[in-house]
Amino acid sequence: MAPSGRDQDRTDDNPSRCARPPRRVAPLAVCGAAAAGLLLAGCGDDGGKAASPSAPGSPSGSRAPTVTGPSPAPERPLTTDQAERKALVPAAKADWEQAARAATGDVTGGKLLAVELKRAPDGGPEWHAEVATADGTSHSVVVDGVTGKVVKSSADTDQDSDDKRERADHLKAARLTPRDAATTATGRRKGTVTTLELETSDEKTGGGGKLIWKVDVVTPNDWNKTTYDIDAADRAVLREHVDHD
């Protein structure tokens, strides 16, 4: 007999008295398989589309072209003088100041007039110095460029009274020391001092016949030589010349 309306209401209010529907297993399994398929196909990217590999040779599959800058300019070959400086300057372990101390120490009462780095007959470096006493008598002193020791010293021959007087006057008039001159030059251009010489400037170069220290500085990056004319009275730089040869 069919339940009455009241009985039907009681039946609906009591779930335990109703038959539970069967679990829907198949649809869940299908969804799981579909989800796995989407993962394998690369779903979940920003566009929601599966990424497909590009065919070889296609624009999207080729590598971005490598961008390179301009090729460095080839180095210029050294001139004969530059190559000579490159070989000689690093070989001189004793600098100009060591050579000057050795030379002036070898001549009693001597003061430095000039010192220059040169190549010795055996190919090594040596410093050639000119030292003068108070009366202007000149002495030539050779100092080993590696050890800094005197290897030869002698008074110059054929010195007349005029030459002696001029040298003596130069030594008295020079208020600037050799070290002051070297410091001034290397303050303008970093490098190695290879020449220091007390002399009168050339009228043609605009020095006006002033007493100057001529200082040569060799720069190791290009092996050029820069010559400075420095006023021996007030340290002013009267001339600067770069020798690119």
Protein backbone atom coordinates (compact mmCIF):
# COMPACT_ATOMS: atom_id res chain seq x y z
CA MET A 1 0.00 0.00 0.00
CA ALA A 2 1.44 3.42 -0.87
CA PRO A 3 2.36 5.61 2.09
CA SER A 4 0.16 8.48 2.93
CA GLY A 5 1.29 12.06 2.55
CA ARG A 6 2.15 12.30 6.26
CA ASP A 7 4.12 9.09 6.15
CA GLN A 8 5.95 10.37 3.09
CA ASP A 9 6.96 13.51 4.99
CA ARG A 10 8.36 11.47 7.82
CA THR A 11 10.20 9.30 5.44
CA ASP A 12 11.90 12.32 3.77
CA ASP A 13 12.85 13.82 7.13
CA ASN A 14 14.65 10.65 8.17
CA PRO A 15 17.55 10.01 5.80
CA SER A 16 18.46 6.80 7.50
CA ARG A 17 15.29 5.27 6.21
CA CYS A 18 16.16 6.15 2.59
CA ALA A 19 18.36 4.08 0.32
CA ARG A 20 21.72 5.87 -0.41
CA PRO A 21 22.42 6.42 -4.08
CA PRO A 22 25.48 4.58 -5.50
CA ARG A 23 28.83 6.52 -5.56
CA ARG A 24 29.68 8.01 -8.92
CA VAL A 25 33.13 6.49 -9.33
CA ALA A 26 33.42 6.53 -13.07
CA PRO A 27 33.04 10.29 -13.55
CA LEU A 28 35.76 10.97 -10.92
CA ALA A 29 38.11 8.59 -12.61
CA VAL A 30 37.43 10.27 -15.91
CA CYS A 31 38.16 13.67 -14.39
CA GLY A 32 41.41 12.39 -12.92
CA ALA A 33 42.49 11.02 -16.26
CA ALA A 34 41.56 14.27 -17.95
CA ALA A 35 43.55 16.27 -15.39
CA ALA A 36 46.60 14.08 -15.89
CA GLY A 37 46.27 14.60 -19.61
CA LEU A 38 46.16 18.32 -19.20
CA LEU A 39 49.29 18.25 -17.07
CA LEU A 40 51.12 16.18 -19.65
CA ALA A 41 49.99 18.56 -22.37
CA GLY A 42 51.43 21.53 -20.45
CA CYS A 43 48.22 23.08 -19.20
CA GLY A 44 48.38 25.76 -16.56
CA ASP A 45 50.54 28.24 -18.53
CA ASP A 46 49.62 31.92 -18.52
CA GLY A 47 47.63 31.66 -21.71
CA GLY A 48 45.88 28.46 -20.75
CA LYS A 49 47.21 26.84 -23.89
CA ALA A 50 49.52 23.89 -24.18
CA ALA A 51 53.02 24.76 -25.38
CA SER A 52 53.96 22.82 -28.44
CA PRO A 53 57.61 22.35 -29.47
CA SER A 54 58.64 24.42 -32.43
CA ALA A 55 59.79 22.68 -35.50
CA PRO A 56 63.50 22.80 -36.18
CA GLY A 57 64.39 25.82 -38.22
CA SER A 58 61.27 27.76 -37.27
CA PRO A 59 61.68 31.29 -35.89
CA SER A 60 60.32 30.36 -32.47
CA GLY A 61 62.55 27.29 -32.22
CA SER A 62 65.79 28.96 -33.30
CA ARG A 63 68.23 30.56 -30.87
CA ALA A 64 68.46 34.32 -30.55
CA PRO A 65 71.37 35.67 -32.60
CA THR A 66 74.51 36.45 -30.59
CA VAL A 67 75.26 40.16 -30.49
CA THR A 68 78.96 41.00 -30.40
CA GLY A 69 80.66 44.35 -30.00
CA PRO A 70 83.22 45.83 -32.34
CA SER A 71 86.52 44.01 -32.57
CA PRO A 72 89.32 45.63 -30.56
CA ALA A 73 91.73 47.69 -32.59
CA PRO A 74 95.04 45.92 -33.20
CA GLU A 75 97.95 47.18 -31.16
CA ARG A 76 100.31 49.49 -32.96
CA PRO A 77 103.81 48.10 -33.34
CA LEU A 78 106.47 49.81 -31.24
CA THR A 79 108.95 52.12 -32.86
CA THR A 80 112.68 51.45 -32.51
CA ASP A 81 113.01 53.97 -29.67
CA GLN A 82 109.92 52.65 -27.87
CA ALA A 83 111.20 49.08 -28.10
CA GLU A 84 114.57 50.23 -26.75
CA ARG A 85 112.90 51.90 -23.76
CA LYS A 86 110.73 48.85 -23.13
CA ALA A 87 113.81 46.65 -22.97
CA LEU A 88 116.01 49.06 -20.99
CA VAL A 89 113.81 50.79 -18.40
CA PRO A 90 112.47 47.68 -16.57
CA ALA A 91 115.98 46.22 -16.49
CA ALA A 92 117.27 49.16 -14.42
CA LYS A 93 116.73 48.05 -10.83
CA ALA A 94 118.58 51.12 -9.52
CA ASP A 95 116.63 54.32 -10.19
CA TRP A 96 118.02 57.76 -11.00
CA GLU A 97 118.17 58.77 -7.34
CA GLN A 98 120.28 55.78 -6.33
CA ALA A 99 122.58 56.51 -9.24
CA ALA A 100 122.85 60.18 -8.24
CA ARG A 101 123.73 59.31 -4.64
CA ALA A 102 126.41 56.90 -5.79
CA ALA A 103 127.87 59.39 -8.27
CA THR A 104 127.96 62.39 -5.93
CA GLY A 105 129.30 60.22 -3.15
CA ASP A 106 132.21 59.21 -5.34
CA VAL A 107 133.32 62.83 -5.91
CA THR A 108 134.23 64.79 -2.81
CA GLY A 109 132.07 67.91 -2.62
CA GLY A 110 130.36 66.97 -5.88
CA LYS A 111 126.86 68.01 -6.90
CA LEU A 112 124.72 66.49 -9.63
CA LEU A 113 124.59 68.25 -12.96
CA ALA A 114 123.12 65.45 -15.04
CA VAL A 115 122.21 61.76 -14.99
CA GLU A 116 120.91 59.65 -17.88
CA LEU A 117 119.97 56.00 -18.35
CA LYS A 118 121.86 54.33 -21.19
CA ARG A 119 122.67 50.86 -22.46
CA ALA A 120 126.04 49.46 -21.40
CA PRO A 121 128.38 47.75 -23.89
CA ASP A 122 127.26 44.38 -22.50
CA GLY A 123 123.62 45.28 -23.17
CA GLY A 124 122.63 45.98 -19.59
CA PRO A 125 121.44 49.29 -18.12
CA GLU A 126 123.82 51.88 -16.71
CA TRP A 127 123.53 55.47 -15.53
CA HIS A 128 125.87 58.13 -16.90
CA ALA A 129 126.22 60.99 -14.44
CA GLU A 130 127.98 64.35 -14.54
CA VAL A 131 129.08 65.67 -11.17
CA ALA A 132 130.75 69.05 -10.57
CA THR A 133 132.64 70.41 -7.59
CA ALA A 134 132.22 73.93 -6.21
CA ASP A 135 134.83 75.35 -8.59
CA GLY A 136 133.00 73.87 -11.59
CA THR A 137 135.34 70.96 -12.25
CA SER A 138 133.31 68.23 -13.99
CA HIS A 139 133.57 64.49 -13.34
CA SER A 140 132.03 61.69 -15.39
CA VAL A 141 130.70 58.81 -13.29
CA VAL A 142 129.16 55.58 -14.58
CA VAL A 143 126.85 53.66 -12.24
CA ASP A 144 125.64 50.10 -12.77
CA GLY A 145 121.92 50.18 -13.50
CA VAL A 146 121.25 46.95 -11.59
CA THR A 147 123.48 47.16 -8.51
CA GLY A 148 123.62 50.94 -8.18
CA LYS A 149 127.40 50.85 -7.68
CA VAL A 150 130.00 53.05 -9.36
CA VAL A 151 131.86 51.18 -12.09
CA LYS A 152 133.87 54.09 -13.55
CA SER A 153 134.75 57.63 -12.47
CA SER A 154 137.12 60.26 -13.84
CA ALA A 155 137.59 64.02 -14.11
CA ASP A 156 136.79 65.36 -17.55
CA THR A 157 139.76 66.47 -19.60
CA ASP A 158 140.18 69.75 -21.49
CA GLN A 159 138.09 71.86 -19.11
CA ASP A 160 138.73 75.54 -19.61
CA SER A 161 138.08 78.27 -17.07
CA ASP A 162 134.95 79.53 -18.81
CA ASP A 163 133.29 76.10 -18.68
CA LYS A 164 134.15 75.72 -15.00
CA ARG A 165 132.79 79.18 -14.18
CA GLU A 166 129.54 78.46 -16.00
CA ARG A 167 128.99 75.16 -14.18
CA ALA A 168 129.80 76.76 -10.83
CA ASP A 169 127.34 79.57 -11.53
CA HIS A 170 124.62 77.10 -12.49
CA LEU A 171 125.03 75.15 -9.28
CA LYS A 172 124.77 78.36 -7.22
CA ALA A 173 121.74 79.67 -9.11
CA ALA A 174 119.69 76.45 -9.04
CA ARG A 175 117.28 76.79 -6.14
CA LEU A 176 115.48 73.63 -7.25
CA THR A 177 117.08 70.30 -6.30
CA PRO A 178 117.17 67.34 -8.70
CA ARG A 179 114.57 65.59 -6.53
CA ASP A 180 112.27 68.64 -6.70
CA ALA A 181 112.52 68.61 -10.48
CA ALA A 182 111.83 64.87 -10.72
CA THR A 183 108.84 65.15 -8.38
CA THR A 184 107.40 68.00 -10.43
CA ALA A 185 107.72 66.03 -13.66
CA THR A 186 106.25 62.77 -12.33
CA GLY A 187 103.46 64.77 -10.74
CA ARG A 188 102.43 65.76 -14.25
CA ARG A 189 102.91 62.31 -15.78
CA LYS A 190 103.42 59.04 -13.93
CA GLY A 191 106.40 57.08 -15.15
CA THR A 192 110.13 56.46 -14.79
CA VAL A 193 112.64 59.31 -14.80
CA THR A 194 115.39 58.45 -17.27
CA THR A 195 117.14 61.83 -17.61
CA LEU A 196 117.83 64.81 -15.35
CA GLU A 197 120.03 67.65 -16.59
CA LEU A 198 120.75 71.18 -15.37
CA GLU A 199 121.13 73.43 -18.39
CA THR A 200 120.13 76.71 -20.01
CA SER A 201 116.86 76.55 -21.93
CA ASP A 202 116.86 77.04 -25.66
CA GLU A 203 115.65 80.43 -26.84
CA LYS A 204 113.78 78.73 -29.71
CA THR A 205 111.54 76.74 -27.36
CA GLY A 206 110.33 79.83 -25.52
CA GLY A 207 112.42 79.28 -22.41
CA GLY A 208 114.11 82.63 -22.72
CA GLY A 209 117.55 81.27 -21.82
CA LYS A 210 116.47 80.40 -18.29
CA LEU A 211 118.27 77.91 -16.09
CA ILE A 212 116.18 74.74 -16.15
CA TRP A 213 116.12 71.11 -15.15
CA LYS A 214 115.36 69.00 -18.18
CA VAL A 215 113.54 65.85 -17.09
CA ASP A 216 112.60 62.86 -19.25
CA VAL A 217 109.77 60.60 -18.05
CA VAL A 218 109.03 57.27 -19.77
CA THR A 219 105.49 55.90 -19.45
CA PRO A 220 105.25 52.08 -19.33
CA ASN A 221 101.83 51.83 -20.99
CA ASP A 222 103.08 53.13 -24.35
CA TRP A 223 106.86 53.56 -23.79
CA ASN A 224 106.71 57.17 -24.94
CA LYS A 225 109.10 59.74 -23.52
CA THR A 226 107.86 63.08 -22.21
CA THR A 227 110.39 65.86 -21.73
CA TYR A 228 109.76 68.67 -19.23
CA ASP A 229 111.65 71.95 -18.97
CA ILE A 230 111.29 73.01 -15.34
CA ASP A 231 112.45 76.41 -14.13
CA ALA A 232 115.31 75.82 -11.69
CA ALA A 233 114.35 78.94 -9.75
CA ASP A 234 110.59 78.68 -9.19
CA ARG A 235 109.59 75.15 -10.30
CA ALA A 236 107.40 76.39 -13.14
CA VAL A 237 106.92 73.98 -16.05
CA LEU A 238 108.08 75.96 -19.09
CA ARG A 239 107.69 73.22 -21.69
CA GLU A 240 106.20 69.74 -22.09
CA HIS A 241 106.92 67.62 -25.14
CA VAL A 242 105.85 64.02 -25.82
CA ASP A 243 108.13 61.98 -28.05
CA HIS A 244 105.96 59.42 -29.88
CA ASP A 245 108.92 57.97 -31.81
